[in-house]
Structure formats: C-alpha cells, structure tokens
C-alpha cells in the first residue's frame, strides 16, 4: 500500500522550526503512514465510519463490500436502499453515499483531476458532498491524496497531542494559526508526529 511520502530533510525542517515537537521527531524516527489513493473508496468508507466505533465501522464496511463487490459508482447505484440498510447503514448515510456516487458517475464531481488542484480546492470540492465536512475532507486530502500541508483545527486527537507537546491548557484558533504557519508546507508531517504522540502516550 502507498504511504505518505516525506523524508529526513522534512523532518529536519520541522525539528528546527519547533524544538518541542522536534524532540519527539528525534525520539520516534521515521513514522510510516499508509494511505489509500482511491479517493472514491476512501470517501465512501469515511461516510460509513462516521460516528461509529472502529469495530462497528469495520463490520458494516465488510458487509457493504461483500454486497456490492467493488467500490464503483455503478455498483452502489444498482443496489436498493433496503439492501444497503441490511448491511447496517443508516438511511441518511445511504442517501449521502448514493448522492456522492451519482455525482461521480455523472461527472458532476470530477475526482480524477484532484492531483492538479491545490489543497483548498480539493477540500472545497469534497465538502459539496453531503455527509462530508471540512475535517473529513482534510483527512481525505491527507490519508488518500497524500497532501503534505494539512493541519486540521477541528481534529480532537491533534488538539490533545498539541496541548501535551506544547504545554497548552487550551488550544485557541490563534495558536492553531501560528503552528500551521510554522509547520507549512509540511503540516501533514507535523500532524503525523502529533498523532504518534497521542497513540504512544494514550491521550
């Protein structure tokens, strides 16, 4: 599976820009993070998993995959709502997934040219899909497209780790903007290390 690609030069850049985060980068070394380059599949998976535990989301997605066979617009559109409901999907999620599949099938949302768009253009296109908010769009840009400068304010896991590493009692929008600017153009890589702090320290 492809990974989010970065190198030692980028790690060194962040170490110099932020010694507090840099101490963790030195400690952890290179952190490999997989990504799924199939943006259609990743959007559908993200809608399925919203507001569910990892176990529940995995169970429902397996049933969904077994039913439709492949993550393609036409395979999704060919199944009746009740069939999808039997997989464990709620009717609102079924509506969101089918509307997304319809937009892609009819070229109302062209996802094949995302590589030619900048980060904000990708995010703005994705949030036209019902069920996809800004945070989800940012995660898709990071973990599907492999964009290197995503640092999401609305990410609870990121906030907890930032507060731990930086010694903040609160994480204001102003502090976020300062950090985002400090880490740019490698906000994604900074986020990867904050996520690793959260995972290793059980935040």
C-alpha atoms as a PDB file:
ATOM      1  CA  UNK A   1       0.000   0.000   0.000  1.00  0.00           C
ATOM      2  CA  UNK A   2       1.292   3.522  -0.761  1.00  0.00           C
ATOM      3  CA  UNK A   3       2.458   5.668   2.129  1.00  0.00           C
ATOM      4  CA  UNK A   4       2.502   9.391   2.861  1.00  0.00           C
ATOM      5  CA  UNK A   5       5.863  10.326   1.412  1.00  0.00           C
ATOM      6  CA  UNK A   6       8.290  12.536   3.311  1.00  0.00           C
ATOM      7  CA  UNK A   7      11.983  12.374   4.131  1.00  0.00           C
ATOM      8  CA  UNK A   8      14.693  13.307   6.610  1.00  0.00           C
ATOM      9  CA  UNK A   9      15.034  16.806   5.160  1.00  0.00           C
ATOM     10  CA  UNK A  10      11.389  17.490   6.001  1.00  0.00           C
ATOM     11  CA  UNK A  11      11.847  16.022   9.467  1.00  0.00           C
ATOM     12  CA  UNK A  12      14.889  18.262   9.994  1.00  0.00           C
ATOM     13  CA  UNK A  13      12.896  21.284   8.829  1.00  0.00           C
ATOM     14  CA  UNK A  14      10.247  20.637  11.488  1.00  0.00           C
ATOM     15  CA  UNK A  15      12.860  19.947  14.164  1.00  0.00           C
ATOM     16  CA  UNK A  16      14.386  23.369  13.514  1.00  0.00           C
ATOM     17  CA  UNK A  17      11.017  25.115  13.327  1.00  0.00           C
ATOM     18  CA  UNK A  18       9.693  23.619  16.568  1.00  0.00           C
ATOM     19  CA  UNK A  19      12.169  22.121  19.064  1.00  0.00           C
ATOM     20  CA  UNK A  20       9.331  20.862  21.299  1.00  0.00           C
ATOM     21  CA  UNK A  21       7.840  18.762  18.521  1.00  0.00           C
ATOM     22  CA  UNK A  22      11.354  18.118  17.238  1.00  0.00           C
ATOM     23  CA  UNK A  23      12.245  16.227  20.409  1.00  0.00           C
ATOM     24  CA  UNK A  24       9.506  13.715  19.600  1.00  0.00           C
ATOM     25  CA  UNK A  25      10.563  13.503  15.950  1.00  0.00           C
ATOM     26  CA  UNK A  26      14.089  12.636  17.119  1.00  0.00           C
ATOM     27  CA  UNK A  27      12.686  10.078  19.550  1.00  0.00           C
ATOM     28  CA  UNK A  28      10.284   8.369  17.123  1.00  0.00           C
ATOM     29  CA  UNK A  29      12.337   8.499  13.923  1.00  0.00           C
ATOM     30  CA  UNK A  30      10.538   7.922  10.626  1.00  0.00           C
ATOM     31  CA  UNK A  31       6.846   7.084  11.137  1.00  0.00           C
ATOM     32  CA  UNK A  32       5.322   5.201   8.208  1.00  0.00           C
ATOM     33  CA  UNK A  33       1.692   6.053   7.477  1.00  0.00           C
ATOM     34  CA  UNK A  34      -0.296   4.176   4.844  1.00  0.00           C
ATOM     35  CA  UNK A  35      -2.691   5.924   2.505  1.00  0.00           C
ATOM     36  CA  UNK A  36      -5.415   4.693   0.172  1.00  0.00           C
ATOM     37  CA  UNK A  37      -5.066   6.535  -3.169  1.00  0.00           C
ATOM     38  CA  UNK A  38      -8.574   5.506  -4.284  1.00  0.00           C
ATOM     39  CA  UNK A  39     -10.429   8.699  -3.369  1.00  0.00           C
ATOM     40  CA  UNK A  40     -13.869   7.305  -4.267  1.00  0.00           C
ATOM     41  CA  UNK A  41     -13.429   4.312  -1.987  1.00  0.00           C
ATOM     42  CA  UNK A  42     -11.999   6.472   0.782  1.00  0.00           C
ATOM     43  CA  UNK A  43     -14.919   8.920   0.694  1.00  0.00           C
ATOM     44  CA  UNK A  44     -17.452   6.083   0.902  1.00  0.00           C
ATOM     45  CA  UNK A  45     -15.507   4.467   3.760  1.00  0.00           C
ATOM     46  CA  UNK A  46     -15.372   7.766   5.629  1.00  0.00           C
ATOM     47  CA  UNK A  47     -19.147   8.200   5.376  1.00  0.00           C
ATOM     48  CA  UNK A  48     -19.705   4.629   6.567  1.00  0.00           C
ATOM     49  CA  UNK A  49     -17.452   5.098   9.606  1.00  0.00           C
ATOM     50  CA  UNK A  50     -18.805   8.450  10.819  1.00  0.00           C
ATOM     51  CA  UNK A  51     -19.923   8.407  14.476  1.00  0.00           C
ATOM     52  CA  UNK A  52     -19.156   4.691  14.813  1.00  0.00           C
ATOM     53  CA  UNK A  53     -16.578   2.733  16.761  1.00  0.00           C
ATOM     54  CA  UNK A  54     -13.763   1.220  14.719  1.00  0.00           C
ATOM     55  CA  UNK A  55     -15.178  -2.281  15.277  1.00  0.00           C
ATOM     56  CA  UNK A  56     -18.713  -1.353  14.212  1.00  0.00           C
ATOM     57  CA  UNK A  57     -17.478   0.551  11.160  1.00  0.00           C
ATOM     58  CA  UNK A  58     -15.282  -2.384  10.085  1.00  0.00           C
ATOM     59  CA  UNK A  59     -18.178  -4.835  10.415  1.00  0.00           C
ATOM     60  CA  UNK A  60     -20.557  -2.675   8.385  1.00  0.00           C
ATOM     61  CA  UNK A  61     -17.969  -1.933   5.713  1.00  0.00           C
ATOM     62  CA  UNK A  62     -17.199  -5.647   5.296  1.00  0.00           C
ATOM     63  CA  UNK A  63     -20.905  -6.389   4.771  1.00  0.00           C
ATOM     64  CA  UNK A  64     -21.101  -3.476   2.340  1.00  0.00           C
ATOM     65  CA  UNK A  65     -18.089  -4.739   0.362  1.00  0.00           C
ATOM     66  CA  UNK A  66     -19.460  -8.282   0.286  1.00  0.00           C
ATOM     67  CA  UNK A  67     -22.747  -6.962  -1.101  1.00  0.00           C
ATOM     68  CA  UNK A  68     -21.552  -4.554  -3.794  1.00  0.00           C
ATOM     69  CA  UNK A  69     -18.395  -6.389  -4.842  1.00  0.00           C
ATOM     70  CA  UNK A  70     -16.390  -3.286  -5.733  1.00  0.00           C
ATOM     71  CA  UNK A  71     -16.364   0.366  -4.745  1.00  0.00           C
ATOM     72  CA  UNK A  72     -17.668   1.825  -8.002  1.00  0.00           C
ATOM     73  CA  UNK A  73     -20.495   4.314  -8.574  1.00  0.00           C
ATOM     74  CA  UNK A  74     -22.495   1.930 -10.755  1.00  0.00           C
ATOM     75  CA  UNK A  75     -22.295  -0.974  -8.281  1.00  0.00           C
ATOM     76  CA  UNK A  76     -23.532   1.223  -5.450  1.00  0.00           C
ATOM     77  CA  UNK A  77     -26.321   2.791  -7.504  1.00  0.00           C
ATOM     78  CA  UNK A  78     -27.529  -0.642  -8.641  1.00  0.00           C
ATOM     79  CA  UNK A  79     -28.475  -1.741  -5.114  1.00  0.00           C
ATOM     80  CA  UNK A  80     -31.749  -0.899  -3.428  1.00  0.00           C
ATOM     81  CA  UNK A  81     -31.662   1.157  -0.245  1.00  0.00           C
ATOM     82  CA  UNK A  82     -33.089  -1.736   1.772  1.00  0.00           C
ATOM     83  CA  UNK A  83     -30.209  -3.971   0.676  1.00  0.00           C
ATOM     84  CA  UNK A  84     -27.716  -1.391   1.899  1.00  0.00           C
ATOM     85  CA  UNK A  85     -29.713  -0.884   5.088  1.00  0.00           C
ATOM     86  CA  UNK A  86     -29.361  -4.615   5.794  1.00  0.00           C
ATOM     87  CA  UNK A  87     -25.582  -4.091   5.921  1.00  0.00           C
ATOM     88  CA  UNK A  88     -26.097  -1.834   8.932  1.00  0.00           C
ATOM     89  CA  UNK A  89     -26.034   1.533   7.184  1.00  0.00           C
ATOM     90  CA  UNK A  90     -28.474   4.217   8.290  1.00  0.00           C
ATOM     91  CA  UNK A  91     -30.777   5.684   5.659  1.00  0.00           C
ATOM     92  CA  UNK A  92     -29.102   9.131   5.861  1.00  0.00           C
ATOM     93  CA  UNK A  93     -25.701   7.527   5.163  1.00  0.00           C
ATOM     94  CA  UNK A  94     -27.188   5.553   2.275  1.00  0.00           C
ATOM     95  CA  UNK A  95     -28.505   8.820   0.852  1.00  0.00           C
ATOM     96  CA  UNK A  96     -25.101  10.523   1.219  1.00  0.00           C
ATOM     97  CA  UNK A  97     -23.242   7.606  -0.388  1.00  0.00           C
ATOM     98  CA  UNK A  98     -25.671   7.337  -3.301  1.00  0.00           C
ATOM     99  CA  UNK A  99     -25.643  11.090  -3.913  1.00  0.00           C
ATOM    100  CA  UNK A 100     -21.841  11.003  -3.973  1.00  0.00           C
ATOM    101  CA  UNK A 101     -21.839   8.003  -6.329  1.00  0.00           C
ATOM    102  CA  UNK A 102     -24.340   9.759  -8.603  1.00  0.00           C
ATOM    103  CA  UNK A 103     -22.258  12.950  -8.741  1.00  0.00           C
ATOM    104  CA  UNK A 104     -19.137  10.995  -9.653  1.00  0.00           C
ATOM    105  CA  UNK A 105     -20.931   8.830 -12.225  1.00  0.00           C
ATOM    106  CA  UNK A 106     -22.477  11.866 -13.916  1.00  0.00           C
ATOM    107  CA  UNK A 107     -19.212  13.853 -13.737  1.00  0.00           C
ATOM    108  CA  UNK A 108     -20.849  16.491 -11.562  1.00  0.00           C
ATOM    109  CA  UNK A 109     -17.907  15.915  -9.230  1.00  0.00           C
ATOM    110  CA  UNK A 110     -14.706  15.118 -11.110  1.00  0.00           C
ATOM    111  CA  UNK A 111     -12.322  13.364  -8.736  1.00  0.00           C
ATOM    112  CA  UNK A 112      -9.766  12.219 -11.308  1.00  0.00           C
ATOM    113  CA  UNK A 113      -8.275  15.701 -11.582  1.00  0.00           C
ATOM    114  CA  UNK A 114      -7.733  16.230  -7.842  1.00  0.00           C
ATOM    115  CA  UNK A 115      -3.977  15.865  -8.318  1.00  0.00           C
ATOM    116  CA  UNK A 116      -3.973  19.068 -10.375  1.00  0.00           C
ATOM    117  CA  UNK A 117      -5.770  21.093  -7.677  1.00  0.00           C
ATOM    118  CA  UNK A 118      -4.309  22.791  -4.628  1.00  0.00           C
ATOM    119  CA  UNK A 119      -5.278  21.644  -1.130  1.00  0.00           C
ATOM    120  CA  UNK A 120      -8.058  24.168  -0.562  1.00  0.00           C
ATOM    121  CA  UNK A 121      -9.615  23.499  -3.973  1.00  0.00           C
ATOM    122  CA  UNK A 122      -9.727  19.770  -3.175  1.00  0.00           C
ATOM    123  CA  UNK A 123     -11.307  20.441   0.222  1.00  0.00           C
ATOM    124  CA  UNK A 124     -13.911  22.788  -1.263  1.00  0.00           C
ATOM    125  CA  UNK A 125     -14.903  20.199  -3.862  1.00  0.00           C
ATOM    126  CA  UNK A 126     -15.214  17.447  -1.285  1.00  0.00           C
ATOM    127  CA  UNK A 127     -17.418  19.449   1.074  1.00  0.00           C
ATOM    128  CA  UNK A 128     -20.001  19.799  -1.692  1.00  0.00           C
ATOM    129  CA  UNK A 129     -20.776  16.139  -0.912  1.00  0.00           C
ATOM    130  CA  UNK A 130     -23.471  15.787   1.738  1.00  0.00           C
ATOM    131  CA  UNK A 131     -22.030  14.000   4.743  1.00  0.00           C
ATOM    132  CA  UNK A 132     -18.513  15.361   4.157  1.00  0.00           C
ATOM    133  CA  UNK A 133     -17.496  18.281   6.357  1.00  0.00           C
ATOM    134  CA  UNK A 134     -14.239  20.183   6.377  1.00  0.00           C
ATOM    135  CA  UNK A 135     -12.469  17.879   8.848  1.00  0.00           C
ATOM    136  CA  UNK A 136     -13.357  14.771   6.828  1.00  0.00           C
ATOM    137  CA  UNK A 137     -12.230  16.499   3.629  1.00  0.00           C
ATOM    138  CA  UNK A 138      -8.910  17.389   5.260  1.00  0.00           C
ATOM    139  CA  UNK A 139      -8.405  13.793   6.389  1.00  0.00           C
ATOM    140  CA  UNK A 140      -9.135  12.589   2.848  1.00  0.00           C
ATOM    141  CA  UNK A 141      -6.621  15.067   1.442  1.00  0.00           C
ATOM    142  CA  UNK A 142      -4.052  13.733   3.885  1.00  0.00           C
ATOM    143  CA  UNK A 143      -4.704   9.987   4.030  1.00  0.00           C
ATOM    144  CA  UNK A 144      -5.906   9.403   0.463  1.00  0.00           C
ATOM    145  CA  UNK A 145      -4.209  12.031  -1.683  1.00  0.00           C
ATOM    146  CA  UNK A 146      -1.078  12.255   0.464  1.00  0.00           C
ATOM    147  CA  UNK A 147      -1.097  16.060   0.625  1.00  0.00           C
ATOM    148  CA  UNK A 148       1.761  17.288   2.814  1.00  0.00           C
ATOM    149  CA  UNK A 149       0.390  20.529   4.258  1.00  0.00           C
ATOM    150  CA  UNK A 150      -2.795  19.534   6.093  1.00  0.00           C
ATOM    151  CA  UNK A 151      -3.099  20.578   9.745  1.00  0.00           C
ATOM    152  CA  UNK A 152      -6.730  20.365  10.862  1.00  0.00           C
ATOM    153  CA  UNK A 153      -8.062  22.652  13.583  1.00  0.00           C
ATOM    154  CA  UNK A 154     -11.174  20.533  14.194  1.00  0.00           C
ATOM    155  CA  UNK A 155      -9.177  17.358  14.863  1.00  0.00           C
ATOM    156  CA  UNK A 156      -9.690  16.366  18.505  1.00  0.00           C
ATOM    157  CA  UNK A 157      -6.789  13.897  18.510  1.00  0.00           C
ATOM    158  CA  UNK A 158      -4.473  16.549  17.120  1.00  0.00           C
ATOM    159  CA  UNK A 159      -5.621  19.111  19.688  1.00  0.00           C
ATOM    160  CA  UNK A 160      -4.934  16.762  22.597  1.00  0.00           C
ATOM    161  CA  UNK A 161      -1.440  15.987  21.356  1.00  0.00           C
ATOM    162  CA  UNK A 162      -0.626  19.641  20.632  1.00  0.00           C
ATOM    163  CA  UNK A 163      -1.664  20.624  24.153  1.00  0.00           C
ATOM    164  CA  UNK A 164       0.554  17.866  25.556  1.00  0.00           C
ATOM    165  CA  UNK A 165       3.631  18.686  23.462  1.00  0.00           C
ATOM    166  CA  UNK A 166       3.333  22.469  23.661  1.00  0.00           C
ATOM    167  CA  UNK A 167       2.183  22.610  27.288  1.00  0.00           C
ATOM    168  CA  UNK A 168      -1.030  24.456  26.418  1.00  0.00           C
ATOM    169  CA  UNK A 169      -4.057  24.431  28.713  1.00  0.00           C
ATOM    170  CA  UNK A 170      -6.245  25.477  25.782  1.00  0.00           C
ATOM    171  CA  UNK A 171      -5.816  25.345  22.013  1.00  0.00           C
ATOM    172  CA  UNK A 172      -7.185  28.547  20.513  1.00  0.00           C
ATOM    173  CA  UNK A 173      -7.639  29.338  16.827  1.00  0.00           C
ATOM    174  CA  UNK A 174      -4.815  31.886  17.136  1.00  0.00           C
ATOM    175  CA  UNK A 175      -2.408  29.262  18.475  1.00  0.00           C
ATOM    176  CA  UNK A 176      -3.530  26.906  15.726  1.00  0.00           C
ATOM    177  CA  UNK A 177      -2.861  29.501  13.020  1.00  0.00           C
ATOM    178  CA  UNK A 178       0.609  30.180  14.414  1.00  0.00           C
ATOM    179  CA  UNK A 179       1.508  26.491  14.452  1.00  0.00           C
ATOM    180  CA  UNK A 180       0.048  25.894  10.995  1.00  0.00           C
ATOM    181  CA  UNK A 181       2.164  28.737   9.627  1.00  0.00           C
ATOM    182  CA  UNK A 182       5.237  27.465  11.476  1.00  0.00           C
ATOM    183  CA  UNK A 183       4.915  23.945  10.032  1.00  0.00           C
ATOM    184  CA  UNK A 184       3.936  24.936   6.480  1.00  0.00           C
ATOM    185  CA  UNK A 185       4.485  23.498   3.900  1.00  0.00           C
ATOM    186  CA  UNK A 186       4.687  20.262   5.923  1.00  0.00           C
ATOM    187  CA  UNK A 187       1.683  20.444   8.241  1.00  0.00           C
ATOM    188  CA  UNK A 188       0.747  16.847   7.468  1.00  0.00           C
ATOM    189  CA  UNK A 189       4.113  15.573   8.655  1.00  0.00           C
ATOM    190  CA  UNK A 190       3.820  17.595  11.867  1.00  0.00           C
ATOM    191  CA  UNK A 191       0.334  16.118  12.353  1.00  0.00           C
ATOM    192  CA  UNK A 192       1.706  12.592  11.858  1.00  0.00           C
ATOM    193  CA  UNK A 193       4.053  13.097  14.809  1.00  0.00           C
ATOM    194  CA  UNK A 194       1.332  14.595  16.966  1.00  0.00           C
ATOM    195  CA  UNK A 195      -0.849  11.558  16.211  1.00  0.00           C
ATOM    196  CA  UNK A 196       2.073   9.345  17.171  1.00  0.00           C
ATOM    197  CA  UNK A 197       2.403  11.206  20.485  1.00  0.00           C
ATOM    198  CA  UNK A 198      -1.291  10.603  21.146  1.00  0.00           C
ATOM    199  CA  UNK A 199      -1.053   6.910  20.270  1.00  0.00           C
ATOM    200  CA  UNK A 200       2.085   6.208  22.290  1.00  0.00           C
ATOM    201  CA  UNK A 201       1.053   8.190  25.344  1.00  0.00           C
ATOM    202  CA  UNK A 202      -2.604   7.150  25.338  1.00  0.00           C
ATOM    203  CA  UNK A 203      -4.012  10.669  25.300  1.00  0.00           C
END
